[in-house]
Amino acid sequence: MAITRQKKEEILKKIEDKGREASSAIFVNFHGLNVAGETELRNNLRNSGVDYVVAKKTLIRKAFDTLKLKGEIPELEGEVAVAFGGEDVVAPAKEIFEFGKKHKDTLKMLGGILEGEYIDANKALMLASIPSREVLYGKFVNVINSPVQGMVVTLNGVMGNFVRVLGQIKK
């Protein structure tokens, strides 16, 4: 069934607005994904604060052409949707990647947008592999704590040896 001109304009405006507000976006080919899988994907994305819009490729291209982004839009093949990120820049890529592990044949990242520039599928995959903010904080704390912990272990060894020597002298 054909979409009316008014509906197309609404979709176009929606994509343009989300594109301006988003910190990042990922283009997704979801060909072959069943309704249950699509619903699960939408719920996962919504829980992560990611907006998900399905639209015709021509409307997606037209909307992003008005945003004047750097580079060239990735090849949009198959049935395409766009996942828009809010505060967390890596959330769309990470959620799509994680969901794609379970649905290998039906979900594919085509590329995306990061910092006002188009990125290809390989860069989108690299973006998805970045650990979460909490994990990075944990690693940072571990790096800061490591020298202090080494010093404590060394001093504890020296004290232990001193106590053993005193014990031998006492005997």
N, C-alpha and C. Protein backbone atom coordinates (compact mmCIF):
# COMPACT_ATOMS: atom_id res chain seq x y z
N MET A 1 0.84 -1.17 0.00
CA MET A 1 0.00 0.00 0.00
C MET A 1 0.89 1.24 0.00
N ALA A 2 0.57 2.18 -0.83
CA ALA A 2 1.37 3.40 -0.97
C ALA A 2 1.14 4.32 0.22
N ILE A 3 2.19 5.04 0.57
CA ILE A 3 2.13 6.00 1.67
C ILE A 3 1.72 7.35 1.10
N THR A 4 0.83 8.05 1.78
CA THR A 4 0.39 9.36 1.31
C THR A 4 1.53 10.37 1.43
N ARG A 5 1.41 11.42 0.67
CA ARG A 5 2.43 12.48 0.69
C ARG A 5 2.56 13.08 2.09
N GLN A 6 1.43 13.27 2.75
CA GLN A 6 1.45 13.85 4.10
C GLN A 6 2.19 12.93 5.07
N LYS A 7 1.96 11.63 4.99
CA LYS A 7 2.64 10.66 5.86
C LYS A 7 4.15 10.66 5.58
N LYS A 8 4.52 10.74 4.30
CA LYS A 8 5.94 10.79 3.94
C LYS A 8 6.60 12.03 4.54
N GLU A 9 5.90 13.17 4.49
CA GLU A 9 6.45 14.41 5.05
C GLU A 9 6.62 14.29 6.57
N GLU A 10 5.68 13.61 7.24
CA GLU A 10 5.79 13.40 8.68
C GLU A 10 7.00 12.54 9.01
N ILE A 11 7.18 11.46 8.25
CA ILE A 11 8.31 10.56 8.47
C ILE A 11 9.62 11.30 8.22
N LEU A 12 9.65 12.07 7.14
CA LEU A 12 10.85 12.85 6.79
C LEU A 12 11.20 13.83 7.90
N LYS A 13 10.20 14.54 8.41
CA LYS A 13 10.42 15.50 9.50
C LYS A 13 10.91 14.78 10.76
N LYS A 14 10.33 13.62 11.06
CA LYS A 14 10.72 12.85 12.24
C LYS A 14 12.19 12.43 12.15
N ILE A 15 12.59 11.93 10.99
CA ILE A 15 13.98 11.49 10.81
C ILE A 15 14.93 12.67 10.90
N GLU A 16 14.57 13.79 10.27
CA GLU A 16 15.42 14.98 10.33
C GLU A 16 15.59 15.46 11.77
N ASP A 17 14.50 15.53 12.52
CA ASP A 17 14.56 15.99 13.92
C ASP A 17 15.42 15.07 14.77
N LYS A 18 15.19 13.78 14.64
CA LYS A 18 15.98 12.81 15.42
C LYS A 18 17.44 12.85 15.00
N GLY A 19 17.70 13.05 13.73
CA GLY A 19 19.08 13.15 13.23
C GLY A 19 19.81 14.36 13.79
N ARG A 20 19.10 15.47 13.96
CA ARG A 20 19.72 16.67 14.53
C ARG A 20 20.01 16.49 16.02
N GLU A 21 19.07 15.84 16.73
CA GLU A 21 19.19 15.69 18.18
C GLU A 21 20.15 14.57 18.60
N ALA A 22 20.31 13.58 17.76
CA ALA A 22 21.05 12.36 18.13
C ALA A 22 22.55 12.61 18.20
N SER A 23 23.19 11.91 19.15
CA SER A 23 24.65 11.96 19.26
C SER A 23 25.29 11.00 18.25
N SER A 24 24.55 9.97 17.87
CA SER A 24 25.01 9.00 16.87
C SER A 24 23.81 8.31 16.26
N ALA A 25 24.04 7.64 15.14
CA ALA A 25 22.97 6.88 14.49
C ALA A 25 23.60 5.68 13.78
N ILE A 26 22.84 4.60 13.73
CA ILE A 26 23.30 3.38 13.05
C ILE A 26 22.24 2.96 12.04
N PHE A 27 22.67 2.70 10.80
CA PHE A 27 21.77 2.19 9.77
C PHE A 27 21.77 0.67 9.87
N VAL A 28 20.56 0.08 9.87
CA VAL A 28 20.40 -1.35 10.10
C VAL A 28 19.60 -1.97 8.96
N ASN A 29 20.11 -3.09 8.43
CA ASN A 29 19.35 -3.91 7.49
C ASN A 29 18.72 -5.03 8.32
N PHE A 30 17.39 -5.06 8.39
CA PHE A 30 16.70 -6.04 9.22
C PHE A 30 15.91 -7.04 8.37
N HIS A 31 16.32 -7.24 7.13
CA HIS A 31 15.61 -8.15 6.23
C HIS A 31 15.55 -9.56 6.80
N GLY A 32 14.35 -10.12 6.87
CA GLY A 32 14.18 -11.47 7.36
C GLY A 32 13.88 -11.57 8.84
N LEU A 33 13.91 -10.47 9.55
CA LEU A 33 13.62 -10.48 10.99
C LEU A 33 12.11 -10.60 11.18
N ASN A 34 11.67 -11.57 11.96
CA ASN A 34 10.23 -11.76 12.16
C ASN A 34 9.68 -10.74 13.16
N VAL A 35 8.38 -10.74 13.33
CA VAL A 35 7.72 -9.75 14.18
C VAL A 35 8.18 -9.87 15.63
N ALA A 36 8.32 -11.09 16.11
CA ALA A 36 8.78 -11.28 17.49
C ALA A 36 10.19 -10.73 17.67
N GLY A 37 11.06 -10.97 16.71
CA GLY A 37 12.42 -10.45 16.77
C GLY A 37 12.45 -8.94 16.69
N GLU A 38 11.61 -8.38 15.83
CA GLU A 38 11.53 -6.91 15.70
C GLU A 38 11.04 -6.28 17.00
N THR A 39 10.06 -6.90 17.62
CA THR A 39 9.54 -6.39 18.90
C THR A 39 10.60 -6.47 19.99
N GLU A 40 11.32 -7.57 20.04
CA GLU A 40 12.40 -7.72 21.02
C GLU A 40 13.48 -6.68 20.80
N LEU A 41 13.85 -6.45 19.54
CA LEU A 41 14.86 -5.44 19.21
C LEU A 41 14.40 -4.05 19.65
N ARG A 42 13.17 -3.70 19.33
CA ARG A 42 12.64 -2.38 19.71
C ARG A 42 12.64 -2.22 21.24
N ASN A 43 12.25 -3.26 21.97
CA ASN A 43 12.25 -3.19 23.44
C ASN A 43 13.65 -3.01 23.99
N ASN A 44 14.62 -3.76 23.45
CA ASN A 44 16.01 -3.62 23.90
C ASN A 44 16.53 -2.22 23.64
N LEU A 45 16.23 -1.69 22.46
CA LEU A 45 16.69 -0.35 22.12
C LEU A 45 16.02 0.70 23.00
N ARG A 46 14.73 0.56 23.22
CA ARG A 46 14.00 1.52 24.05
C ARG A 46 14.55 1.53 25.47
N ASN A 47 14.87 0.35 26.01
CA ASN A 47 15.42 0.25 27.36
C ASN A 47 16.79 0.90 27.47
N SER A 48 17.50 1.00 26.35
CA SER A 48 18.82 1.63 26.35
C SER A 48 18.77 3.11 25.96
N GLY A 49 17.57 3.64 25.76
CA GLY A 49 17.43 5.04 25.40
C GLY A 49 17.72 5.33 23.94
N VAL A 50 17.49 4.34 23.09
CA VAL A 50 17.77 4.47 21.66
C VAL A 50 16.44 4.51 20.90
N ASP A 51 16.29 5.50 20.00
CA ASP A 51 15.11 5.58 19.15
C ASP A 51 15.35 4.78 17.88
N TYR A 52 14.31 4.12 17.40
CA TYR A 52 14.42 3.22 16.26
C TYR A 52 13.32 3.58 15.26
N VAL A 53 13.72 3.92 14.04
CA VAL A 53 12.76 4.35 13.02
C VAL A 53 12.95 3.53 11.76
N VAL A 54 11.86 2.93 11.30
CA VAL A 54 11.85 2.20 10.04
C VAL A 54 11.23 3.11 8.99
N ALA A 55 11.91 3.25 7.85
CA ALA A 55 11.39 4.10 6.78
C ALA A 55 11.95 3.63 5.44
N LYS A 56 11.37 4.18 4.38
CA LYS A 56 11.87 3.87 3.06
C LYS A 56 13.26 4.48 2.89
N LYS A 57 14.08 3.80 2.09
CA LYS A 57 15.47 4.27 1.89
C LYS A 57 15.51 5.66 1.28
N THR A 58 14.59 5.95 0.36
CA THR A 58 14.60 7.28 -0.27
C THR A 58 14.31 8.37 0.77
N LEU A 59 13.41 8.10 1.71
CA LEU A 59 13.11 9.09 2.75
C LEU A 59 14.30 9.26 3.70
N ILE A 60 14.96 8.16 4.01
CA ILE A 60 16.13 8.23 4.89
C ILE A 60 17.22 9.05 4.22
N ARG A 61 17.51 8.75 2.95
CA ARG A 61 18.54 9.52 2.22
C ARG A 61 18.18 11.00 2.16
N LYS A 62 16.92 11.29 1.83
CA LYS A 62 16.48 12.67 1.69
C LYS A 62 16.61 13.42 3.02
N ALA A 63 16.23 12.76 4.13
CA ALA A 63 16.31 13.40 5.45
C ALA A 63 17.76 13.70 5.82
N PHE A 64 18.66 12.74 5.58
CA PHE A 64 20.05 12.96 5.95
C PHE A 64 20.78 13.90 5.00
N ASP A 65 20.28 14.03 3.77
CA ASP A 65 20.86 15.01 2.84
C ASP A 65 20.63 16.43 3.35
N THR A 66 19.50 16.67 4.01
CA THR A 66 19.21 18.01 4.52
C THR A 66 20.08 18.36 5.74
N LEU A 67 20.65 17.34 6.40
CA LEU A 67 21.47 17.60 7.58
C LEU A 67 22.89 18.03 7.25
N LYS A 68 23.29 17.90 5.98
CA LYS A 68 24.62 18.34 5.52
C LYS A 68 25.75 17.73 6.35
N LEU A 69 25.79 16.41 6.41
CA LEU A 69 26.83 15.71 7.15
C LEU A 69 28.06 15.50 6.27
N LYS A 70 29.21 15.31 6.90
CA LYS A 70 30.46 15.09 6.17
C LYS A 70 30.50 13.67 5.62
N GLY A 71 31.15 13.50 4.50
CA GLY A 71 31.30 12.18 3.91
C GLY A 71 30.13 11.79 3.04
N GLU A 72 30.07 10.50 2.77
CA GLU A 72 29.03 9.97 1.89
C GLU A 72 28.21 8.93 2.65
N ILE A 73 26.91 8.96 2.46
CA ILE A 73 26.03 8.03 3.16
C ILE A 73 26.37 6.60 2.73
N PRO A 74 26.42 5.66 3.69
CA PRO A 74 26.73 4.27 3.35
C PRO A 74 25.66 3.68 2.43
N GLU A 75 26.02 2.61 1.74
CA GLU A 75 25.08 1.92 0.86
C GLU A 75 23.96 1.33 1.71
N LEU A 76 22.73 1.75 1.44
CA LEU A 76 21.57 1.25 2.18
C LEU A 76 20.93 0.15 1.35
N GLU A 77 21.13 -1.09 1.78
CA GLU A 77 20.60 -2.22 1.03
C GLU A 77 19.59 -2.98 1.87
N GLY A 78 18.58 -3.54 1.22
CA GLY A 78 17.57 -4.31 1.93
C GLY A 78 16.56 -3.42 2.63
N GLU A 79 15.92 -3.97 3.64
CA GLU A 79 14.96 -3.21 4.45
C GLU A 79 15.75 -2.47 5.52
N VAL A 80 15.61 -1.15 5.55
CA VAL A 80 16.50 -0.32 6.38
C VAL A 80 15.74 0.40 7.48
N ALA A 81 16.40 0.47 8.64
CA ALA A 81 15.92 1.25 9.77
C ALA A 81 17.11 2.05 10.31
N VAL A 82 16.81 3.04 11.13
CA VAL A 82 17.86 3.86 11.74
C VAL A 82 17.66 3.85 13.25
N ALA A 83 18.75 3.57 13.97
CA ALA A 83 18.75 3.61 15.43
C ALA A 83 19.50 4.87 15.86
N PHE A 84 18.80 5.76 16.55
CA PHE A 84 19.37 7.04 16.98
C PHE A 84 19.76 6.98 18.44
N GLY A 85 20.99 7.40 18.76
CA GLY A 85 21.47 7.41 20.13
C GLY A 85 21.24 8.73 20.80
N GLY A 86 21.02 8.69 22.10
CA GLY A 86 20.84 9.90 22.89
C GLY A 86 22.12 10.29 23.59
N GLU A 87 22.13 10.19 24.91
CA GLU A 87 23.31 10.57 25.69
C GLU A 87 24.49 9.64 25.44
N ASP A 88 24.22 8.34 25.40
CA ASP A 88 25.29 7.36 25.21
C ASP A 88 25.54 7.18 23.71
N VAL A 89 26.72 7.59 23.26
CA VAL A 89 27.06 7.56 21.84
C VAL A 89 27.14 6.14 21.30
N VAL A 90 27.62 5.20 22.10
CA VAL A 90 27.83 3.83 21.62
C VAL A 90 26.61 2.93 21.80
N ALA A 91 25.57 3.41 22.48
CA ALA A 91 24.40 2.57 22.77
C ALA A 91 23.74 1.98 21.51
N PRO A 92 23.49 2.76 20.45
CA PRO A 92 22.84 2.15 19.29
C PRO A 92 23.68 1.04 18.67
N ALA A 93 24.96 1.30 18.48
CA ALA A 93 25.85 0.29 17.87
C ALA A 93 25.96 -0.94 18.76
N LYS A 94 26.11 -0.73 20.05
CA LYS A 94 26.27 -1.84 20.98
C LYS A 94 25.01 -2.71 21.03
N GLU A 95 23.84 -2.09 21.12
CA GLU A 95 22.59 -2.85 21.18
C GLU A 95 22.33 -3.61 19.89
N ILE A 96 22.56 -2.97 18.75
CA ILE A 96 22.36 -3.64 17.45
C ILE A 96 23.35 -4.80 17.32
N PHE A 97 24.59 -4.58 17.73
CA PHE A 97 25.61 -5.63 17.64
C PHE A 97 25.24 -6.82 18.53
N GLU A 98 24.85 -6.54 19.77
CA GLU A 98 24.48 -7.62 20.70
C GLU A 98 23.27 -8.40 20.19
N PHE A 99 22.28 -7.67 19.67
CA PHE A 99 21.10 -8.34 19.14
C PHE A 99 21.45 -9.12 17.87
N GLY A 100 22.36 -8.59 17.09
CA GLY A 100 22.79 -9.25 15.86
C GLY A 100 23.52 -10.56 16.10
N LYS A 101 24.12 -10.73 17.28
CA LYS A 101 24.77 -12.00 17.61
C LYS A 101 23.76 -13.14 17.63
N LYS A 102 22.54 -12.85 18.11
CA LYS A 102 21.50 -13.87 18.17
C LYS A 102 20.81 -14.06 16.82
N HIS A 103 20.80 -13.02 16.00
CA HIS A 103 20.08 -13.05 14.72
C HIS A 103 21.06 -12.73 13.59
N LYS A 104 22.05 -13.58 13.41
CA LYS A 104 23.14 -13.32 12.46
C LYS A 104 22.67 -13.15 11.02
N ASP A 105 21.71 -13.96 10.60
CA ASP A 105 21.29 -13.93 9.20
C ASP A 105 20.28 -12.83 8.89
N THR A 106 19.72 -12.21 9.91
CA THR A 106 18.63 -11.27 9.67
C THR A 106 18.96 -9.82 10.01
N LEU A 107 20.01 -9.56 10.73
CA LEU A 107 20.32 -8.20 11.17
C LEU A 107 21.75 -7.85 10.81
N LYS A 108 21.93 -6.69 10.18
CA LYS A 108 23.26 -6.30 9.72
C LYS A 108 23.42 -4.79 9.84
N MET A 109 24.54 -4.36 10.41
CA MET A 109 24.85 -2.93 10.47
C MET A 109 25.41 -2.50 9.13
N LEU A 110 24.85 -1.42 8.57
CA LEU A 110 25.27 -0.93 7.27
C LEU A 110 26.23 0.25 7.37
N GLY A 111 26.26 0.88 8.52
CA GLY A 111 27.08 2.08 8.72
C GLY A 111 26.38 2.96 9.72
N GLY A 112 26.75 4.24 9.73
CA GLY A 112 26.10 5.13 10.67
C GLY A 112 26.61 6.55 10.60
N ILE A 113 26.34 7.26 11.67
CA ILE A 113 26.76 8.66 11.79
C ILE A 113 27.35 8.85 13.18
N LEU A 114 28.50 9.48 13.22
CA LEU A 114 29.17 9.77 14.48
C LEU A 114 29.82 11.13 14.37
N GLU A 115 29.50 12.03 15.30
CA GLU A 115 30.07 13.37 15.35
C GLU A 115 29.91 14.11 14.02
N GLY A 116 28.71 14.03 13.43
CA GLY A 116 28.42 14.77 12.21
C GLY A 116 29.08 14.23 10.97
N GLU A 117 29.51 12.98 11.01
CA GLU A 117 30.21 12.38 9.88
C GLU A 117 29.72 10.96 9.66
N TYR A 118 29.55 10.58 8.39
CA TYR A 118 29.14 9.22 8.08
C TYR A 118 30.28 8.25 8.37
N ILE A 119 29.94 7.08 8.89
CA ILE A 119 30.93 6.03 9.12
C ILE A 119 30.47 4.77 8.40
N ASP A 120 31.42 3.93 8.02
CA ASP A 120 31.06 2.69 7.33
C ASP A 120 30.76 1.59 8.35
N ALA A 121 30.42 0.42 7.84
CA ALA A 121 30.02 -0.70 8.72
C ALA A 121 31.17 -1.13 9.63
N ASN A 122 32.40 -1.10 9.14
CA ASN A 122 33.55 -1.51 9.96
C ASN A 122 33.73 -0.58 11.16
N LYS A 123 33.61 0.72 10.94
CA LYS A 123 33.73 1.67 12.06
C LYS A 123 32.56 1.53 13.03
N ALA A 124 31.39 1.20 12.51
CA ALA A 124 30.24 0.97 13.38
C ALA A 124 30.48 -0.25 14.27
N LEU A 125 31.09 -1.29 13.70
CA LEU A 125 31.43 -2.47 14.50
C LEU A 125 32.48 -2.14 15.56
N MET A 126 33.46 -1.31 15.19
CA MET A 126 34.47 -0.89 16.16
C MET A 126 33.82 -0.08 17.29
N LEU A 127 32.87 0.75 16.94
CA LEU A 127 32.14 1.54 17.93
C LEU A 127 31.38 0.62 18.89
N ALA A 128 30.83 -0.46 18.35
CA ALA A 128 30.07 -1.41 19.17
C ALA A 128 30.97 -2.17 20.13
N SER A 129 32.25 -2.29 19.81
CA SER A 129 33.15 -3.06 20.67
C SER A 129 33.74 -2.23 21.82
N ILE A 130 33.45 -0.96 21.87
CA ILE A 130 33.93 -0.12 22.98
C ILE A 130 33.18 -0.52 24.24
N PRO A 131 33.90 -0.78 25.33
CA PRO A 131 33.22 -1.16 26.58
C PRO A 131 32.34 -0.03 27.09
N SER A 132 31.40 -0.38 27.95
CA SER A 132 30.49 0.62 28.51
C SER A 132 31.26 1.59 29.42
N ARG A 133 30.62 2.69 29.73
CA ARG A 133 31.24 3.71 30.57
C ARG A 133 31.61 3.15 31.94
N GLU A 134 30.75 2.31 32.51
CA GLU A 134 31.01 1.74 33.83
C GLU A 134 32.25 0.83 33.79
N VAL A 135 32.37 0.03 32.74
CA VAL A 135 33.54 -0.86 32.60
C VAL A 135 34.81 -0.03 32.45
N LEU A 136 34.74 1.04 31.66
CA LEU A 136 35.92 1.91 31.49
C LEU A 136 36.30 2.58 32.81
N TYR A 137 35.30 3.02 33.58
CA TYR A 137 35.59 3.59 34.90
C TYR A 137 36.28 2.57 35.79
N GLY A 138 35.79 1.33 35.77
CA GLY A 138 36.39 0.26 36.57
C GLY A 138 37.84 0.01 36.18
N LYS A 139 38.11 -0.01 34.88
CA LYS A 139 39.49 -0.22 34.42
C LYS A 139 40.38 0.94 34.83
N PHE A 140 39.84 2.16 34.78
CA PHE A 140 40.60 3.34 35.16
C PHE A 140 40.96 3.30 36.64
N VAL A 141 39.99 2.94 37.47
CA VAL A 141 40.24 2.83 38.92
C VAL A 141 41.28 1.76 39.19
N ASN A 142 41.22 0.66 38.46
CA ASN A 142 42.21 -0.42 38.63
C ASN A 142 43.61 0.06 38.27
N VAL A 143 43.71 0.85 37.21
CA VAL A 143 45.03 1.38 36.80
C VAL A 143 45.57 2.33 37.86
N ILE A 144 44.70 3.15 38.42
CA ILE A 144 45.13 4.09 39.46
C ILE A 144 45.51 3.33 40.74
N ASN A 145 44.75 2.29 41.06
CA ASN A 145 44.97 1.53 42.29
C ASN A 145 46.19 0.61 42.21
N SER A 146 46.59 0.20 41.04
CA SER A 146 47.65 -0.78 40.87
C SER A 146 48.98 -0.40 41.53
N PRO A 147 49.52 0.81 41.34
CA PRO A 147 50.78 1.15 42.01
C PRO A 147 50.66 1.14 43.54
N VAL A 148 49.55 1.62 44.06
CA VAL A 148 49.34 1.66 45.50
C VAL A 148 49.29 0.23 46.04
N GLN A 149 48.58 -0.64 45.34
CA GLN A 149 48.46 -2.03 45.76
C GLN A 149 49.83 -2.72 45.73
N GLY A 150 50.63 -2.43 44.71
CA GLY A 150 51.98 -2.99 44.62
C GLY A 150 52.85 -2.54 45.79
N MET A 151 52.71 -1.29 46.16
CA MET A 151 53.48 -0.75 47.28
C MET A 151 53.08 -1.44 48.59
N VAL A 152 51.79 -1.65 48.80
CA VAL A 152 51.31 -2.31 50.01
C VAL A 152 51.84 -3.73 50.08
N VAL A 153 51.81 -4.46 48.97
CA VAL A 153 52.30 -5.84 48.95
C VAL A 153 53.79 -5.86 49.27
N THR A 154 54.55 -4.94 48.70
CA THR A 154 55.99 -4.89 48.95
C THR A 154 56.29 -4.58 50.41
N LEU A 155 55.63 -3.58 50.95
CA LEU A 155 55.85 -3.22 52.36
C LEU A 155 55.41 -4.35 53.29
N ASN A 156 54.34 -5.02 52.96
CA ASN A 156 53.87 -6.15 53.75
C ASN A 156 54.90 -7.28 53.72
N GLY A 157 55.54 -7.51 52.59
CA GLY A 157 56.58 -8.54 52.48
C GLY A 157 57.79 -8.19 53.33
N VAL A 158 58.19 -6.92 53.31
CA VAL A 158 59.33 -6.48 54.11
C VAL A 158 59.02 -6.64 55.60
N MET A 159 57.83 -6.24 56.01
CA MET A 159 57.44 -6.37 57.42
C MET A 159 57.39 -7.84 57.82
N GLY A 160 56.85 -8.69 56.96
CA GLY A 160 56.77 -10.12 57.24
C GLY A 160 58.15 -10.73 57.41
N ASN A 161 59.08 -10.37 56.53
CA ASN A 161 60.45 -10.86 56.64
C ASN A 161 61.10 -10.38 57.93
N PHE A 162 60.86 -9.14 58.30
CA PHE A 162 61.44 -8.59 59.53
C PHE A 162 60.93 -9.36 60.75
N VAL A 163 59.63 -9.66 60.77
CA VAL A 163 59.03 -10.40 61.88
C VAL A 163 59.64 -11.80 61.93
N ARG A 164 59.83 -12.45 60.79
CA ARG A 164 60.42 -13.80 60.77
C ARG A 164 61.85 -13.78 61.27
N VAL A 165 62.59 -12.77 60.88
CA VAL A 165 63.99 -12.65 61.35
C VAL A 165 64.00 -12.47 62.87
N LEU A 166 63.13 -11.63 63.40
CA LEU A 166 63.06 -11.44 64.85
C LEU A 166 62.69 -12.76 65.55
N GLY A 167 61.81 -13.52 64.94
CA GLY A 167 61.42 -14.82 65.49
C GLY A 167 62.60 -15.76 65.54
N GLN A 168 63.43 -15.74 64.49
CA GLN A 168 64.62 -16.61 64.46
C GLN A 168 65.63 -16.15 65.51
N ILE A 169 65.78 -14.85 65.68
CA ILE A 169 66.72 -14.33 66.68
C ILE A 169 66.26 -14.73 68.07
N LYS A 170 64.96 -14.70 68.34
CA LYS A 170 64.41 -15.05 69.63
C LYS A 170 64.70 -16.53 69.95
N LYS A 171 64.61 -17.41 68.95
CA LYS A 171 64.86 -18.83 69.16
C LYS A 171 66.31 -19.02 69.47
